[in-house]
Amino acid sequence: MRGGEIAVVGGSIAGCAFARAAARGGADRVVVLERSPGRLEDRGVGLCVLDDRYTELARAGHLDDGIRWHRLTQRHWLAHDPDGGGGPRGRLLWAQEMPFRSYHWGVLWQALRERTPDNVEFRLGGAVTTVSGDDEHAWLTGPDGGTESGTDRGTNGGTDRGPDRYDLVIGADGYRSVVREAVCPEARPEYAGYVCWRGSFDARLLAELPGGATLWPEHEVITVCYPGGQVVLYRIPGLTPGSTQVNFVFYAPTPAWLRPGDPTSVPAGALTTGQFEELAELAERHLPPYWAGVITLSPRERTFIQPIYDLAAPRRTAGRLLLAGDAATVVRPHNTSGAVKAVQDACAFEGAWRTADSWAELLPAYDRERGAVGREMVEVGRRLGRAQVTEAPNWSAMDEDAMTAWWRQQVAGTGGFGGHALGRPPTDRQAD
C-alpha cells in the first residue's frame, strides 16, 4: 500500500520512529506535530537497550552504530550491610551477566530526528487539543480552536479534502495522550504506589568521592537493594561527544508532600531545597557509603521525581486513529523497555503497511501484533515491581543461588526482561 497523508502527534522517540516508518512505507505526506517549541534533549536522562533487542532494531533499519552509546556487560546486585560487610560498595548479592547498550535520551532522540527523511514536516510549538476520526478520515484541533492543517489538494477526482483532515493520525504523545482520549477514553494510568527519583551528572565528578571512579568499573550496572526500594545506577554518553554521564533511578516510597493522583512528574529544577534534601537523606539511610555519595553528586537542576504508573490501552486503533509508545502502554522502568517498545511499535506499523492493501487491513494488523505484546509488557513490569520493591525478599538472607532462583521466578512465563523479541507472538498466559 502506498499514499496517504499522516499526522504524528508528538515528536519524541516514538514520534520520530513512526514518522520515519510512514515515510519509508510510502506515505504521500507526513507531518509531525510537537507541542514543545524547541529542542527536546534535556527531557530525559538514561535508558538501556539489551544487545538482542538492538540487533533486531538495527536489522530493521531503526538503530545503528552511528548513534553514540555506552557498553554495559554486568549487573551487580548489592545490599547495604550496617556492619560494613562488603566495604563502601556494600555486600555483593549477585554479579548477573547482562549485555546492554546505554543511551542518553537526548542523544538517541537527536539521532532519530536526524535520520528522519527530509520530506517529513516537523511543526514545533503546535499543541493538539482534540482529535476525532471515523472510518475514512481523522481530524486535529489546535489550542486556539483552529485546526492543524492537512493539505488542500483534492483527491478522488478533485474532491476537496478540507484543511484539517488526514488519512491517519498517530498518537505518539506520551502517557497523557490526547489521541488516546479519542481512541479509548476509559484507559487511565494506575498508580503503582511508589516513585522514582532520577538524576544525572558528569562522570568526572566521581573523582570527588573517596575511592574515586576506581570503585565502579564503567561496564557495571549497579542495583542497590533496600527494604521498600532500590536504586539503579549506570553510565551513559554525555551530550558532548566523548563525555560520559552517570544516571540513576532511585525507587522509593511516595513522599508525604507528593500527590500522585495526577500522573505527572516534578520536573528537573522544580524540587524545593527541602524536597531535594530528602533524596540525600534517603541515600544516607539506605545505601552503602559509596553509592550514597554518588547520589549526592546530582545537582538539584538535574534531579526530578517521577511517580510510577501502569497503563495498557484495551485497543490501539479506532477508525483512522492509532496509538504508539507510551500513549498505548506505560511500562514500569524496571523492565528497561520504554524506548525499545516505542521503536518496535514503529517497526510493526511499517511491516503492516508494507503487507496491507488498505487502511482497513493495516490498522487491525498493527493492533493484533502490538496490543497483546504491550499488555504483556505491562504485566512483566508489574511483576518486576512487586518482586523488587513492594514485595521484595529479605535482602540480608540472599546470596547468589537465591538471587538466581528469584530472578528466574520473575521472568518465567513472560516475554523476557528488556522487552519482547520483535515479532514474537504473545504468550498464552499473562504474568501473575
Protein backbone atom coordinates (compact mmCIF):
# COMPACT_ATOMS: atom_id res chain seq x y z
CA MET A 1 0.00 0.00 0.00
CA ARG A 2 1.25 3.50 -0.83
CA GLY A 3 -0.03 7.04 -0.44
CA GLY A 4 -1.98 8.87 2.20
CA GLU A 5 -1.38 11.84 4.47
CA ILE A 6 -0.24 11.09 8.01
CA ALA A 7 -0.15 13.29 11.11
CA VAL A 8 2.05 12.17 14.00
CA VAL A 9 1.14 13.85 17.29
CA GLY A 10 4.34 14.02 19.36
CA GLY A 11 7.90 14.40 18.15
CA SER A 12 9.99 12.47 20.67
CA ILE A 13 11.44 8.97 20.19
CA ALA A 14 8.16 7.27 19.25
CA GLY A 15 7.10 10.14 17.02
CA CYS A 16 10.37 10.21 15.09
CA ALA A 17 10.34 6.43 14.66
CA PHE A 18 6.77 6.43 13.32
CA ALA A 19 7.43 9.37 11.01
CA ARG A 20 10.35 7.51 9.54
CA ALA A 21 8.31 4.31 9.20
CA ALA A 22 5.45 6.11 7.44
CA ALA A 23 7.81 7.89 5.05
CA ARG A 24 9.62 4.66 4.21
CA GLY A 25 6.28 2.92 3.78
CA GLY A 26 5.34 5.32 1.00
CA ALA A 27 3.09 7.98 2.56
CA ASP A 28 2.49 11.00 0.33
CA ARG A 29 2.94 13.38 3.25
CA VAL A 30 4.00 13.03 6.89
CA VAL A 31 3.56 15.88 9.40
CA VAL A 32 4.92 15.68 12.97
CA LEU A 33 3.24 17.99 15.49
CA GLU A 34 5.33 18.57 18.62
CA ARG A 35 3.92 20.85 21.32
CA SER A 36 7.36 21.87 22.62
CA PRO A 37 8.68 24.97 20.82
CA GLY A 38 12.33 23.91 20.94
CA ARG A 39 14.77 21.03 21.17
CA LEU A 40 14.00 18.07 23.41
CA GLU A 41 17.45 16.90 24.55
CA ASP A 42 17.01 17.80 28.20
CA ARG A 43 13.70 15.97 28.67
CA GLY A 44 15.26 12.66 29.61
CA VAL A 45 18.36 11.09 31.06
CA GLY A 46 19.41 7.47 30.57
CA LEU A 47 17.93 4.36 29.00
CA CYS A 48 19.22 0.90 28.13
CA VAL A 49 18.72 -1.49 25.23
CA LEU A 50 19.63 -5.16 25.55
CA ASP A 51 22.01 -6.36 22.84
CA ASP A 52 19.45 -8.78 21.37
CA ARG A 53 16.83 -6.04 21.04
CA TYR A 54 19.39 -3.69 19.49
CA THR A 55 20.33 -6.31 16.87
CA GLU A 56 16.68 -6.69 15.85
CA LEU A 57 16.06 -2.95 15.63
CA ALA A 58 19.29 -2.38 13.71
CA ARG A 59 18.35 -5.12 11.25
CA ALA A 60 15.00 -3.36 10.77
CA GLY A 61 16.83 -0.11 9.96
CA HIS A 62 15.81 1.95 13.00
CA LEU A 63 19.01 1.91 15.10
CA ASP A 64 22.68 1.83 14.07
CA ASP A 65 26.19 2.07 15.47
CA GLY A 66 26.42 5.72 14.46
CA ILE A 67 24.28 6.59 17.49
CA ARG A 68 26.56 7.13 20.49
CA TRP A 69 26.17 4.53 23.23
CA HIS A 70 28.00 3.11 26.25
CA ARG A 71 28.83 -0.59 26.75
CA LEU A 72 27.45 -2.32 29.86
CA THR A 73 28.06 -6.03 30.44
CA GLN A 74 27.19 -6.91 34.04
CA ARG A 75 24.56 -6.01 36.59
CA HIS A 76 25.84 -6.10 40.17
CA TRP A 77 23.13 -6.51 42.80
CA LEU A 78 24.26 -5.08 46.16
CA ALA A 79 22.84 -4.52 49.63
CA HIS A 80 23.87 -2.30 52.50
CA ASP A 81 25.44 -4.11 55.43
CA PRO A 82 25.25 -1.88 58.54
CA ASP A 83 28.29 -3.73 59.92
CA GLY A 84 30.36 -2.68 56.92
CA GLY A 85 30.43 -6.04 55.16
CA GLY A 86 31.46 -5.62 51.54
CA GLY A 87 33.18 -2.30 52.15
CA PRO A 88 31.97 1.06 50.82
CA ARG A 89 30.22 -0.58 47.83
CA GLY A 90 28.13 -2.88 50.03
CA ARG A 91 27.68 -6.63 50.03
CA LEU A 92 27.56 -8.30 46.62
CA LEU A 93 24.42 -10.41 46.20
CA TRP A 94 24.92 -11.40 42.56
CA ALA A 95 27.01 -10.50 39.53
CA GLN A 96 24.50 -11.01 36.71
CA GLU A 97 25.66 -11.20 33.10
CA MET A 98 23.53 -8.72 31.18
CA PRO A 99 24.84 -7.11 27.94
CA PHE A 100 23.32 -3.65 27.41
CA ARG A 101 23.86 -0.57 25.33
CA SER A 102 23.08 2.53 27.36
CA TYR A 103 21.99 5.79 25.73
CA HIS A 104 21.37 9.37 26.71
CA TRP A 105 17.72 10.07 25.88
CA GLY A 106 18.62 13.31 24.14
CA VAL A 107 21.42 11.77 22.07
CA LEU A 108 19.14 8.96 20.90
CA TRP A 109 16.28 11.33 20.12
CA GLN A 110 18.55 13.67 18.15
CA ALA A 111 19.92 10.76 16.14
CA LEU A 112 16.43 9.51 15.28
CA ARG A 113 15.39 13.05 14.37
CA GLU A 114 18.39 13.41 12.03
CA ARG A 115 17.58 10.07 10.38
CA THR A 116 14.03 11.10 9.59
CA PRO A 117 13.62 11.64 5.81
CA ASP A 118 13.83 15.24 4.65
CA ASN A 119 10.29 15.20 3.28
CA VAL A 120 8.83 14.76 6.79
CA GLU A 121 7.46 18.09 8.07
CA PHE A 122 8.16 18.99 11.71
CA ARG A 123 5.98 21.65 13.33
CA LEU A 124 7.17 22.78 16.75
CA GLY A 125 5.04 24.58 19.29
CA GLY A 126 1.83 23.18 17.81
CA ALA A 127 -0.16 21.62 20.63
CA VAL A 128 -3.08 19.42 19.63
CA THR A 129 -6.07 19.79 21.94
CA THR A 130 -8.69 17.49 20.41
CA VAL A 131 -8.70 14.60 17.97
CA SER A 132 -11.57 12.90 16.15
CA GLY A 133 -11.99 10.46 13.35
CA ASP A 134 -14.15 7.93 11.55
CA ASP A 135 -13.51 5.03 9.21
CA GLU A 136 -12.45 7.35 6.39
CA HIS A 137 -10.54 10.30 7.90
CA ALA A 138 -9.13 11.89 11.07
CA TRP A 139 -9.12 15.50 12.27
CA LEU A 140 -6.97 17.56 14.63
CA THR A 141 -7.78 20.77 16.50
CA GLY A 142 -5.23 23.24 17.80
CA PRO A 143 -5.20 25.26 21.04
CA ASP A 144 -6.89 28.33 19.54
CA GLY A 145 -9.88 26.37 18.27
CA GLY A 146 -8.42 26.26 14.79
CA THR A 147 -7.09 23.22 13.06
CA GLU A 148 -3.74 21.66 12.34
CA SER A 149 -3.99 21.52 8.59
CA GLY A 150 -3.83 18.70 6.12
CA THR A 151 -3.28 19.71 2.51
CA ASP A 152 -5.83 21.43 0.32
CA ARG A 153 -5.11 19.12 -2.58
CA GLY A 154 -8.14 17.28 -3.84
CA THR A 155 -8.33 13.51 -4.16
CA ASN A 156 -10.79 11.18 -5.82
CA GLY A 157 -11.24 13.32 -8.89
CA GLY A 158 -10.61 16.68 -7.25
CA THR A 159 -12.83 16.48 -4.18
CA ASP A 160 -11.58 18.97 -1.58
CA ARG A 161 -10.46 17.06 1.50
CA GLY A 162 -10.66 20.05 3.80
CA PRO A 163 -7.76 21.81 5.54
CA ASP A 164 -7.80 19.76 8.76
CA ARG A 165 -8.21 16.22 7.53
CA TYR A 166 -5.72 13.36 7.38
CA ASP A 167 -5.87 9.77 6.29
CA LEU A 168 -4.35 8.67 9.61
CA VAL A 169 -3.44 10.31 12.91
CA ILE A 170 -0.81 8.56 15.04
CA GLY A 171 -0.79 9.33 18.75
CA ALA A 172 2.84 9.35 19.88
CA ASP A 173 2.10 11.95 22.53
CA GLY A 174 3.05 10.07 25.68
CA TYR A 175 1.22 8.90 28.78
CA ARG A 176 -1.06 11.98 28.86
CA SER A 177 -2.09 11.35 25.26
CA VAL A 178 -4.79 13.47 23.64
CA VAL A 179 -5.15 10.85 20.91
CA ARG A 180 -5.77 8.10 23.49
CA GLU A 181 -8.72 10.12 24.80
CA ALA A 182 -10.32 9.68 21.38
CA VAL A 183 -9.35 6.01 20.94
CA CYS A 184 -10.18 4.67 24.40
CA PRO A 185 -11.15 7.39 26.89
CA GLU A 186 -11.74 4.78 29.59
CA ALA A 187 -7.99 3.97 29.77
CA ARG A 188 -6.32 5.71 32.71
CA PRO A 189 -2.83 5.35 34.23
CA GLU A 190 -2.86 3.42 37.52
CA TYR A 191 -0.50 4.49 40.30
CA ALA A 192 1.84 1.72 41.42
CA GLY A 193 2.22 3.11 44.94
CA TYR A 194 5.84 4.33 44.76
CA VAL A 195 8.05 6.80 42.90
CA CYS A 196 11.47 7.06 41.40
CA TRP A 197 13.90 9.91 41.88
CA ARG A 198 16.02 10.45 38.78
CA GLY A 199 19.19 12.41 38.21
CA SER A 200 22.41 12.63 36.23
CA PHE A 201 25.78 14.36 36.31
CA ASP A 202 29.17 14.44 34.62
CA ALA A 203 31.03 11.23 35.42
CA ARG A 204 34.22 13.18 36.11
CA LEU A 205 32.65 14.24 39.43
CA LEU A 206 33.14 10.68 40.70
CA ALA A 207 36.76 11.66 41.37
CA GLU A 208 35.49 13.75 44.31
CA LEU A 209 34.38 10.62 46.22
CA PRO A 210 36.57 8.50 48.50
CA GLY A 211 37.88 5.84 46.17
CA GLY A 212 37.00 7.95 43.11
CA ALA A 213 35.78 6.21 39.97
CA THR A 214 38.00 3.16 40.54
CA LEU A 215 35.39 1.60 42.87
CA TRP A 216 32.93 1.46 39.98
CA PRO A 217 34.10 -0.09 36.68
CA GLU A 218 32.45 1.51 33.65
CA HIS A 219 30.87 -1.71 32.38
CA GLU A 220 28.78 -2.30 35.53
CA VAL A 221 25.10 -1.56 36.07
CA ILE A 222 24.63 -1.24 39.83
CA THR A 223 21.41 -2.17 41.62
CA VAL A 224 21.45 -1.47 45.36
CA CYS A 225 18.52 -3.08 47.18
CA TYR A 226 16.97 -1.95 50.43
CA PRO A 227 13.60 -2.64 52.16
CA GLY A 228 10.94 -0.75 50.23
CA GLY A 229 13.02 0.25 47.23
CA GLN A 230 16.19 0.07 45.18
CA VAL A 231 18.50 2.33 43.19
CA VAL A 232 19.82 1.55 39.72
CA LEU A 233 22.95 3.38 38.52
CA TYR A 234 24.82 3.24 35.21
CA ARG A 235 26.86 5.40 32.87
CA ILE A 236 25.54 6.90 29.64
CA PRO A 237 27.07 9.01 26.86
CA GLY A 238 27.07 12.73 27.55
CA LEU A 239 25.51 15.27 25.24
CA THR A 240 29.01 16.32 24.16
CA PRO A 241 30.80 13.65 22.09
CA GLY A 242 33.48 11.95 24.18
CA SER A 243 31.85 12.79 27.51
CA THR A 244 30.18 10.40 29.94
CA GLN A 245 27.43 10.93 32.49
CA VAL A 246 26.21 8.98 35.49
CA ASN A 247 22.49 8.26 35.50
CA PHE A 248 20.44 6.90 38.41
CA VAL A 249 16.87 5.75 39.08
CA PHE A 250 16.07 5.64 42.81
CA TYR A 251 12.84 3.78 43.64
CA ALA A 252 11.34 4.87 46.94
CA PRO A 253 8.08 5.25 48.89
CA THR A 254 5.84 8.18 47.98
CA PRO A 255 7.00 11.40 49.71
CA ALA A 256 4.42 12.87 52.06
CA TRP A 257 4.25 16.09 50.04
CA LEU A 258 3.59 14.42 46.67
CA ARG A 259 0.04 13.89 45.45
CA PRO A 260 0.26 11.21 42.77
CA GLY A 261 -3.39 11.37 41.67
CA ASP A 262 -2.30 13.20 38.51
CA PRO A 263 0.26 11.08 36.63
CA THR A 264 2.92 13.69 36.14
CA SER A 265 6.46 14.21 37.37
CA VAL A 266 8.07 17.03 39.29
CA PRO A 267 10.49 18.21 36.57
CA ALA A 268 14.18 18.90 36.93
CA GLY A 269 14.79 22.16 38.74
CA ALA A 270 11.28 22.27 40.28
CA LEU A 271 12.11 20.49 43.55
CA THR A 272 12.34 22.80 46.54
CA THR A 273 15.52 22.77 48.58
CA GLY A 274 13.78 20.79 51.30
CA GLN A 275 12.37 18.26 48.84
CA PHE A 276 15.74 17.86 47.16
CA GLU A 277 17.43 17.26 50.51
CA GLU A 278 15.07 14.32 51.13
CA LEU A 279 16.89 12.41 48.39
CA ALA A 280 20.25 12.74 50.16
CA GLU A 281 18.61 11.62 53.41
CA LEU A 282 17.13 8.56 51.69
CA ALA A 283 20.53 7.69 50.21
CA GLU A 284 22.37 8.07 53.52
CA ARG A 285 19.76 5.99 55.34
CA HIS A 286 19.54 3.07 52.91
CA LEU A 287 22.65 2.85 50.73
CA PRO A 288 26.27 1.85 51.26
CA PRO A 289 28.53 4.89 51.69
CA TYR A 290 29.93 4.96 48.16
CA TRP A 291 26.53 4.93 46.44
CA ALA A 292 25.07 7.45 48.87
CA GLY A 293 27.93 9.72 47.83
CA VAL A 294 27.21 9.10 44.14
CA ILE A 295 23.57 10.18 44.57
CA THR A 296 24.56 13.46 46.22
CA LEU A 297 26.63 14.45 43.15
CA SER A 298 23.46 15.07 41.13
CA PRO A 299 22.64 18.81 41.29
CA ARG A 300 19.10 19.99 42.02
CA GLU A 301 18.68 21.37 38.49
CA ARG A 302 19.24 17.87 37.07
CA THR A 303 17.18 15.91 39.61
CA PHE A 304 13.48 15.15 39.37
CA ILE A 305 10.85 12.80 40.74
CA GLN A 306 8.54 10.56 38.72
CA PRO A 307 5.55 8.64 40.11
CA ILE A 308 5.37 5.07 38.77
CA TYR A 309 2.29 4.21 36.75
CA ASP A 310 0.94 1.34 34.67
CA LEU A 311 -1.25 1.69 31.62
CA ALA A 312 -2.35 -0.78 28.95
CA ALA A 313 -4.82 0.59 26.42
CA PRO A 314 -7.51 -2.02 25.67
CA ARG A 315 -7.16 -1.16 21.98
CA ARG A 316 -4.62 0.72 19.89
CA THR A 317 -6.76 1.80 16.98
CA ALA A 318 -10.18 3.32 16.37
CA GLY A 319 -11.23 4.37 12.90
CA ARG A 320 -8.27 6.25 11.44
CA LEU A 321 -6.56 6.82 14.80
CA LEU A 322 -3.60 4.80 16.09
CA LEU A 323 -1.66 4.76 19.39
CA ALA A 324 2.10 4.36 19.74
CA GLY A 325 4.68 4.15 22.53
CA ASP A 326 3.62 5.46 25.94
CA ALA A 327 0.28 6.63 24.55
CA ALA A 328 -0.61 2.94 24.26
CA THR A 329 1.32 1.34 27.13
CA VAL A 330 3.15 2.72 30.14
CA VAL A 331 5.57 0.11 31.47
CA ARG A 332 7.43 0.45 34.77
CA PRO A 333 11.12 1.29 34.24
CA HIS A 334 12.24 -1.97 35.92
CA ASN A 335 11.89 -3.69 32.54
CA THR A 336 14.19 -1.21 30.68
CA SER A 337 11.89 -1.48 27.68
CA GLY A 338 10.47 2.03 27.16
CA ALA A 339 12.47 3.09 24.10
CA VAL A 340 12.51 -0.47 22.75
CA LYS A 341 8.73 -0.79 22.74
CA ALA A 342 8.31 2.60 21.03
CA VAL A 343 10.65 1.71 18.19
CA GLN A 344 9.24 -1.81 17.96
CA ASP A 345 5.77 -0.27 17.58
CA ALA A 346 7.11 1.67 14.59
CA CYS A 347 8.64 -1.49 13.12
CA ALA A 348 5.32 -3.33 13.42
CA PHE A 349 3.49 -0.39 11.85
CA GLU A 350 5.91 -0.32 8.92
CA GLY A 351 5.63 -4.07 8.45
CA ALA A 352 1.85 -3.91 8.44
CA TRP A 353 1.98 -1.01 5.98
CA ARG A 354 4.13 -2.95 3.52
CA THR A 355 1.86 -6.02 3.51
CA ALA A 356 -1.58 -4.36 3.66
CA ASP A 357 -3.65 -3.37 0.65
CA SER A 358 -5.79 -0.87 2.54
CA TRP A 359 -6.14 1.06 5.78
CA ALA A 360 -8.81 -1.45 6.77
CA GLU A 361 -6.11 -4.15 6.73
CA LEU A 362 -3.21 -2.11 8.12
CA LEU A 363 -4.72 -0.88 11.38
CA PRO A 364 -6.13 -4.20 12.67
CA ALA A 365 -2.86 -5.94 11.76
CA TYR A 366 -0.89 -3.44 13.86
CA ASP A 367 -3.35 -3.72 16.74
CA ARG A 368 -3.18 -7.53 16.72
CA GLU A 369 0.61 -7.64 16.84
CA ARG A 370 1.34 -4.89 19.33
CA GLY A 371 -1.77 -4.84 21.51
CA ALA A 372 -1.25 -8.20 23.21
CA VAL A 373 2.53 -7.70 23.44
CA GLY A 374 2.04 -4.29 25.06
CA ARG A 375 -0.30 -5.70 27.67
CA GLU A 376 2.18 -8.47 28.45
CA MET A 377 4.96 -5.91 28.89
CA VAL A 378 2.85 -4.02 31.41
CA GLU A 379 2.29 -7.25 33.34
CA VAL A 380 6.03 -8.01 33.31
CA GLY A 381 6.72 -4.53 34.70
CA ARG A 382 4.20 -5.12 37.48
CA ARG A 383 5.76 -8.46 38.33
CA LEU A 384 9.24 -6.94 38.48
CA GLY A 385 7.96 -4.05 40.61
CA ARG A 386 6.40 -6.38 43.13
CA ALA A 387 9.47 -8.63 43.33
CA GLN A 388 11.98 -5.80 43.60
CA VAL A 389 10.14 -3.09 45.55
CA THR A 390 6.71 -3.67 47.10
CA GLU A 391 7.09 -7.40 47.90
CA ALA A 392 10.86 -7.70 47.87
CA PRO A 393 12.65 -10.51 49.72
CA ASN A 394 14.76 -10.13 52.82
CA TRP A 395 17.95 -8.97 51.12
CA SER A 396 20.11 -9.86 54.13
CA ALA A 397 19.25 -13.53 53.54
CA MET A 398 20.00 -13.52 49.79
CA ASP A 399 23.09 -14.99 48.12
CA GLU A 400 23.97 -15.83 44.50
CA ASP A 401 21.94 -19.05 44.38
CA ALA A 402 18.90 -17.42 45.97
CA MET A 403 19.18 -14.40 43.65
CA THR A 404 19.38 -16.61 40.57
CA ALA A 405 16.25 -18.53 41.56
CA TRP A 406 14.47 -15.30 42.50
CA TRP A 407 15.23 -13.76 39.09
CA ARG A 408 14.04 -16.82 37.20
CA GLN A 409 10.73 -16.64 39.04
CA GLN A 410 10.30 -13.04 37.88
CA VAL A 411 10.78 -13.73 34.18
CA ALA A 412 9.28 -17.23 33.96
CA GLY A 413 6.36 -17.41 31.53
CA THR A 414 6.88 -13.86 30.25
CA GLY A 415 8.32 -12.43 27.08
CA GLY A 416 11.54 -11.74 28.94
CA PHE A 417 13.36 -8.82 30.53
CA GLY A 418 14.19 -5.79 28.40
CA GLY A 419 11.27 -6.08 26.00
CA HIS A 420 9.83 -8.86 23.88
CA ALA A 421 11.62 -10.12 20.81
CA LEU A 422 10.49 -8.22 17.73
CA GLY A 423 7.66 -10.04 16.01
CA ARG A 424 7.33 -12.71 18.71
CA PRO A 425 3.74 -13.85 19.23
CA PRO A 426 2.40 -13.11 22.73
CA THR A 427 2.38 -15.95 25.23
CA ASP A 428 -0.80 -17.77 26.07
CA ARG A 429 -0.60 -16.82 29.72
CA GLN A 430 -0.17 -13.45 31.36
CA ALA A 431 2.24 -12.82 34.20
CA ASP A 432 0.61 -13.37 37.58
